[in-house]
N, C-alpha and C. Protein backbone atom coordinates (compact mmCIF):
# COMPACT_ATOMS: atom_id res chain seq x y z
N UNK A 1 111.94 112.64 99.78
CA UNK A 1 112.80 111.67 100.05
C UNK A 1 112.45 111.40 101.43
N UNK A 2 112.56 110.08 101.80
CA UNK A 2 112.43 109.38 103.36
C UNK A 2 113.66 109.59 103.91
N UNK A 3 113.55 109.39 105.18
CA UNK A 3 114.89 109.51 106.08
C UNK A 3 116.09 108.89 105.34
N UNK A 4 117.17 109.45 105.49
CA UNK A 4 118.39 109.06 104.84
C UNK A 4 118.87 107.88 105.87
N UNK A 5 119.27 106.65 105.39
CA UNK A 5 120.07 105.75 106.06
C UNK A 5 121.56 105.58 105.69
N UNK A 6 122.31 104.78 106.50
CA UNK A 6 123.58 104.35 106.05
C UNK A 6 123.76 103.19 105.31
N UNK A 7 124.74 103.31 104.61
CA UNK A 7 124.99 101.76 103.84
C UNK A 7 124.97 100.56 104.76
N UNK A 8 125.44 100.74 106.02
CA UNK A 8 125.21 99.77 107.12
C UNK A 8 123.78 99.26 107.41
N UNK A 9 122.95 100.36 107.37
CA UNK A 9 121.77 100.05 107.75
C UNK A 9 121.17 99.17 106.56
N UNK A 10 121.21 99.35 105.50
CA UNK A 10 120.78 98.77 104.08
C UNK A 10 121.21 97.23 104.26
N UNK A 11 122.35 97.03 104.31
CA UNK A 11 123.12 95.67 104.76
C UNK A 11 122.26 94.74 105.52
N UNK A 12 121.53 95.31 106.57
CA UNK A 12 120.82 94.57 107.43
C UNK A 12 119.51 94.04 106.78
N UNK A 13 119.20 94.47 105.71
CA UNK A 13 117.99 94.04 105.08
C UNK A 13 118.54 92.92 103.91
N UNK A 14 117.62 91.74 104.23
CA UNK A 14 118.22 90.50 103.62
C UNK A 14 116.87 90.18 102.41
N UNK A 15 117.48 90.78 101.36
CA UNK A 15 116.56 90.85 100.03
C UNK A 15 117.05 89.33 99.40
N UNK A 16 116.05 88.50 98.98
CA UNK A 16 116.29 87.13 98.28
C UNK A 16 115.23 86.83 97.17
N UNK A 17 115.63 86.10 96.33
CA UNK A 17 114.94 85.65 94.98
C UNK A 17 114.20 84.45 95.73
N UNK A 18 112.84 84.26 95.17
CA UNK A 18 111.87 83.17 95.54
C UNK A 18 111.29 82.96 94.42
N UNK A 19 110.62 81.75 94.38
CA UNK A 19 109.55 81.17 93.51
C UNK A 19 108.56 80.92 94.07
N UNK A 20 107.28 81.63 93.64
CA UNK A 20 105.93 81.39 94.42
C UNK A 20 105.41 79.87 93.70
N UNK A 21 105.25 79.04 94.97
CA UNK A 21 104.84 77.76 94.20
C UNK A 21 103.33 77.55 94.74
N UNK A 22 102.81 78.28 95.40
CA UNK A 22 101.31 78.08 95.55
C UNK A 22 100.89 79.40 96.11
N UNK A 23 99.21 79.53 95.55
CA UNK A 23 98.59 80.87 95.90
C UNK A 23 97.12 80.39 96.00
N UNK A 24 96.73 80.89 97.13
CA UNK A 24 95.60 80.90 97.83
C UNK A 24 94.89 82.34 97.89
N UNK A 25 93.46 82.24 97.81
CA UNK A 25 92.82 83.38 98.08
C UNK A 25 92.77 83.49 99.72
N UNK A 26 92.81 84.65 100.22
CA UNK A 26 92.78 85.12 101.60
C UNK A 26 91.51 85.88 102.00
N UNK A 27 90.53 85.13 102.27
CA UNK A 27 88.99 85.79 102.37
C UNK A 27 89.00 86.69 103.70
N UNK A 28 90.00 86.22 104.71
CA UNK A 28 89.76 86.87 106.01
C UNK A 28 90.75 88.04 106.07
N UNK A 29 91.28 88.37 105.22
CA UNK A 29 92.20 89.72 105.00
C UNK A 29 91.25 90.80 105.03
N UNK A 30 91.72 91.98 105.70
CA UNK A 30 90.82 93.27 105.54
C UNK A 30 90.79 93.66 104.20
N UNK A 31 91.93 93.63 103.38
CA UNK A 31 91.82 94.19 102.05
C UNK A 31 92.08 92.94 101.11
N UNK A 32 91.48 92.84 100.02
CA UNK A 32 91.91 91.61 99.24
C UNK A 32 93.25 91.46 98.86
N UNK A 33 93.54 90.09 99.11
CA UNK A 33 94.94 89.57 99.13
C UNK A 33 94.92 88.19 98.77
N UNK A 34 96.14 87.75 98.42
CA UNK A 34 96.62 86.33 98.25
C UNK A 34 97.41 85.81 99.36
N UNK A 35 97.48 84.47 99.69
CA UNK A 35 98.28 84.04 100.53
C UNK A 35 99.34 83.13 99.57
N UNK A 36 100.73 83.47 99.78
CA UNK A 36 101.59 82.71 99.12
C UNK A 36 102.54 81.89 99.68
N UNK A 37 103.17 80.88 99.10
CA UNK A 37 103.95 79.91 99.69
C UNK A 37 105.28 80.16 98.76
N UNK A 38 106.42 80.62 98.89
CA UNK A 38 107.55 81.00 98.24
C UNK A 38 108.96 80.13 98.73
N UNK A 39 109.43 79.37 97.59
CA UNK A 39 110.48 78.59 97.72
C UNK A 39 111.81 79.59 97.70
N UNK A 40 112.38 79.57 98.89
CA UNK A 40 113.68 80.25 98.78
C UNK A 40 115.00 79.34 98.64
N UNK A 41 114.97 78.19 98.08
CA UNK A 41 116.11 77.15 98.16
C UNK A 41 116.31 76.64 99.36
N UNK A 42 117.63 76.90 99.73
CA UNK A 42 118.27 76.66 100.77
C UNK A 42 117.59 77.37 102.20
N UNK A 43 117.01 78.39 101.94
CA UNK A 43 116.31 79.03 103.21
C UNK A 43 114.92 78.53 103.49
N UNK A 44 114.55 77.62 102.36
CA UNK A 44 113.38 77.11 102.82
C UNK A 44 112.10 77.77 102.15
N UNK A 45 110.85 77.24 102.39
CA UNK A 45 109.62 77.83 101.97
C UNK A 45 108.99 78.61 102.79
N UNK A 46 108.79 79.75 102.33
CA UNK A 46 108.14 81.02 103.41
C UNK A 46 106.86 81.17 102.98
N UNK A 47 105.90 81.61 103.85
CA UNK A 47 104.69 82.19 103.76
C UNK A 47 104.58 83.60 103.67
N UNK A 48 103.67 84.24 102.76
CA UNK A 48 103.51 85.73 102.81
C UNK A 48 102.10 85.93 102.31
N UNK A 49 101.73 87.24 102.80
CA UNK A 49 100.34 87.49 102.09
C UNK A 49 100.67 88.79 101.23
N UNK A 50 99.87 89.04 100.16
CA UNK A 50 100.23 90.13 99.35
C UNK A 50 98.94 90.83 98.73
N UNK A 51 98.81 92.08 98.85
CA UNK A 51 97.81 92.58 98.39
C UNK A 51 97.82 93.05 96.88
N UNK A 52 97.81 92.15 96.17
CA UNK A 52 98.19 92.15 94.64
C UNK A 52 96.96 91.50 93.68
N UNK A 53 95.71 91.35 94.12
CA UNK A 53 94.57 90.86 93.63
C UNK A 53 94.02 91.48 92.59
N UNK A 54 94.57 92.86 92.32
CA UNK A 54 93.94 93.89 91.33
C UNK A 54 94.88 93.73 89.99
N UNK A 55 95.96 93.34 90.20
CA UNK A 55 96.82 93.24 89.12
C UNK A 55 97.18 91.82 88.50
N UNK A 56 96.98 90.78 89.47
CA UNK A 56 97.30 89.11 89.15
C UNK A 56 96.41 88.43 89.46
N UNK A 57 96.16 87.47 88.71
CA UNK A 57 95.37 86.43 88.67
C UNK A 57 96.17 85.22 89.48
N UNK A 58 95.61 84.42 90.25
CA UNK A 58 96.20 83.44 90.84
C UNK A 58 97.16 82.62 89.89
N UNK A 59 96.70 82.12 88.85
CA UNK A 59 97.54 81.20 87.98
C UNK A 59 98.77 81.98 87.38
N UNK A 60 98.66 83.41 87.25
CA UNK A 60 99.77 83.92 86.59
C UNK A 60 100.89 84.29 87.69
N UNK A 61 100.64 83.97 89.08
CA UNK A 61 101.60 84.20 90.04
C UNK A 61 102.37 82.70 90.17
N UNK A 62 101.61 81.71 89.78
CA UNK A 62 102.50 80.29 90.02
C UNK A 62 103.93 80.18 89.31
N UNK A 63 104.95 79.90 89.85
CA UNK A 63 106.09 79.69 89.11
C UNK A 63 107.03 81.05 88.83
N UNK A 64 106.46 82.12 89.24
CA UNK A 64 106.89 83.48 88.98
C UNK A 64 107.93 83.62 90.22
N UNK A 65 109.14 84.28 89.86
CA UNK A 65 110.35 84.61 90.70
C UNK A 65 109.92 86.17 90.95
N UNK A 66 110.11 86.16 92.47
CA UNK A 66 109.83 87.51 93.18
C UNK A 66 111.08 87.91 94.00
N UNK A 67 110.95 89.21 94.59
CA UNK A 67 111.91 89.49 95.45
C UNK A 67 111.11 89.88 96.74
N UNK A 68 111.88 89.34 97.99
CA UNK A 68 111.33 89.52 99.25
C UNK A 68 112.27 89.79 100.33
N UNK A 69 112.08 90.56 101.40
CA UNK A 69 112.57 90.71 102.50
C UNK A 69 112.49 89.29 103.38
N UNK A 70 113.33 88.64 103.74
CA UNK A 70 113.10 87.37 104.58
C UNK A 70 113.75 87.48 106.00
N UNK A 71 113.96 88.69 106.40
CA UNK A 71 114.73 88.62 107.77
C UNK A 71 113.92 89.74 108.72
N UNK A 72 112.55 89.83 108.29
CA UNK A 72 111.86 90.52 109.09
C UNK A 72 111.24 89.39 110.00
N UNK A 73 110.47 89.85 111.48
CA UNK A 73 110.00 88.79 112.16
C UNK A 73 108.61 88.63 111.63
N UNK A 74 108.29 87.36 112.24
CA UNK A 74 106.79 86.92 111.63
C UNK A 74 105.58 87.97 111.78
N UNK A 75 104.59 88.28 111.08
CA UNK A 75 103.59 89.20 111.45
C UNK A 75 102.19 88.14 110.94
N UNK A 76 101.59 88.29 112.12
CA UNK A 76 100.22 87.87 112.34
C UNK A 76 99.20 88.75 111.43
N UNK A 77 98.58 88.20 110.27
CA UNK A 77 97.49 89.07 109.60
C UNK A 77 96.42 87.99 109.68
N UNK A 78 95.38 88.43 110.30
CA UNK A 78 94.19 87.68 110.54
C UNK A 78 94.59 86.46 110.98
N UNK A 79 94.15 85.29 110.37
CA UNK A 79 94.62 83.85 110.94
C UNK A 79 95.80 83.26 110.15
N UNK A 80 96.59 84.24 109.69
CA UNK A 80 97.93 83.75 108.92
C UNK A 80 98.85 84.44 109.24
N UNK A 81 100.01 83.71 109.38
CA UNK A 81 101.45 84.14 109.85
C UNK A 81 102.60 84.47 108.60
N UNK A 82 102.53 85.54 108.44
CA UNK A 82 103.44 86.09 107.13
C UNK A 82 104.94 85.91 107.43
N UNK A 83 105.75 85.21 106.94
CA UNK A 83 106.94 85.26 107.14
C UNK A 83 108.01 86.03 106.28
N UNK A 84 107.78 86.66 105.34
CA UNK A 84 108.55 87.40 104.43
C UNK A 84 107.65 88.65 103.86
N UNK A 85 108.40 89.51 103.36
CA UNK A 85 107.52 90.69 102.72
C UNK A 85 107.94 90.60 101.29
N UNK A 86 106.91 90.32 100.45
CA UNK A 86 107.15 90.14 98.94
C UNK A 86 107.38 91.92 98.64
N UNK A 87 108.27 92.29 97.82
CA UNK A 87 108.31 93.66 97.42
C UNK A 87 107.82 93.95 96.04
N UNK A 88 107.32 95.16 95.76
CA UNK A 88 106.88 95.78 94.55
C UNK A 88 106.80 97.09 94.47
N UNK A 89 106.45 97.58 93.44
CA UNK A 89 106.38 99.14 93.18
C UNK A 89 104.96 99.50 93.01
N UNK A 90 104.86 100.49 93.53
CA UNK A 90 103.31 101.19 93.92
C UNK A 90 103.13 102.07 92.81
N UNK A 91 101.92 101.91 91.94
CA UNK A 91 101.29 102.83 91.12
C UNK A 91 100.14 103.11 91.10
N UNK A 92 99.33 104.26 91.56
CA UNK A 92 97.90 104.47 91.77
C UNK A 92 97.46 103.42 92.72
N UNK A 93 98.06 103.27 93.91
CA UNK A 93 97.34 102.29 94.91
C UNK A 93 97.49 100.76 94.28
N UNK A 94 98.15 100.40 93.36
CA UNK A 94 98.18 98.91 92.83
C UNK A 94 99.88 98.57 92.97
N UNK A 95 100.08 97.41 93.48
CA UNK A 95 101.68 96.72 93.86
C UNK A 95 101.78 95.98 92.55
N UNK A 96 102.99 96.19 91.98
CA UNK A 96 103.57 95.48 90.80
C UNK A 96 104.89 94.84 91.19
N UNK A 97 104.70 93.50 91.12
CA UNK A 97 105.84 92.88 91.71
C UNK A 97 107.32 93.11 91.14
N UNK A 98 108.39 93.28 92.02
CA UNK A 98 109.59 93.38 91.33
C UNK A 98 110.13 92.06 91.20
N UNK A 99 111.07 91.71 90.27
CA UNK A 99 111.55 90.31 89.91
C UNK A 99 112.59 90.24 89.16
N UNK A 100 113.51 89.49 89.13
CA UNK A 100 114.81 89.33 88.12
C UNK A 100 114.28 89.39 86.73
N UNK A 101 115.26 89.87 86.01
CA UNK A 101 115.11 89.69 84.49
C UNK A 101 115.28 88.43 83.95
N UNK A 102 116.12 87.77 84.63
CA UNK A 102 116.37 86.39 84.29
C UNK A 102 115.97 85.37 85.31
N UNK A 103 115.87 84.07 84.99
CA UNK A 103 115.78 83.01 86.26
C UNK A 103 116.93 82.84 87.04
N UNK A 104 116.96 83.08 88.21
CA UNK A 104 118.15 82.86 89.09
C UNK A 104 117.97 81.79 90.20
N UNK A 105 118.70 81.35 90.68
CA UNK A 105 118.69 80.28 91.82
C UNK A 105 117.94 80.79 92.96
N UNK A 106 116.90 80.05 93.53
CA UNK A 106 115.90 80.40 94.57
C UNK A 106 117.01 80.55 95.84
N UNK A 107 116.66 81.51 96.41
CA UNK A 107 117.49 81.88 97.59
C UNK A 107 118.65 82.94 97.44
N UNK A 108 118.82 83.35 96.09
CA UNK A 108 119.96 84.23 95.79
C UNK A 108 119.71 85.47 96.43
N UNK A 109 120.72 86.18 96.78
CA UNK A 109 120.63 87.37 97.48
C UNK A 109 120.64 88.58 96.53
N UNK A 110 119.95 89.36 97.09
CA UNK A 110 119.75 90.98 95.90
C UNK A 110 120.63 92.00 96.59
N UNK A 111 121.63 92.48 95.72
CA UNK A 111 122.38 93.18 96.36
C UNK A 111 122.44 94.58 95.29
């Protein structure tokens, strides 16, 4: 187990539901990745880089709802500014995206 945090620490992480509306190759990334545009409803559209090319084709990601951390600071990745962190489960070095079981409103909080 990693370091123990308090519930107050956890409440600082803003996890939201968004829908992927655009997927592009990211040839300048060090490891194979996609550039994603994600619609978070009232929070707007945010960009993210995701190393998920081994498990997902671009067309399979379009209109897929995902979970992301939206309150991290922006991060420069090669020539791309990532604005949120898409979350997933790791199995044998592959990332499998976490998502709601049913479609929900973009921007919905995860608790």
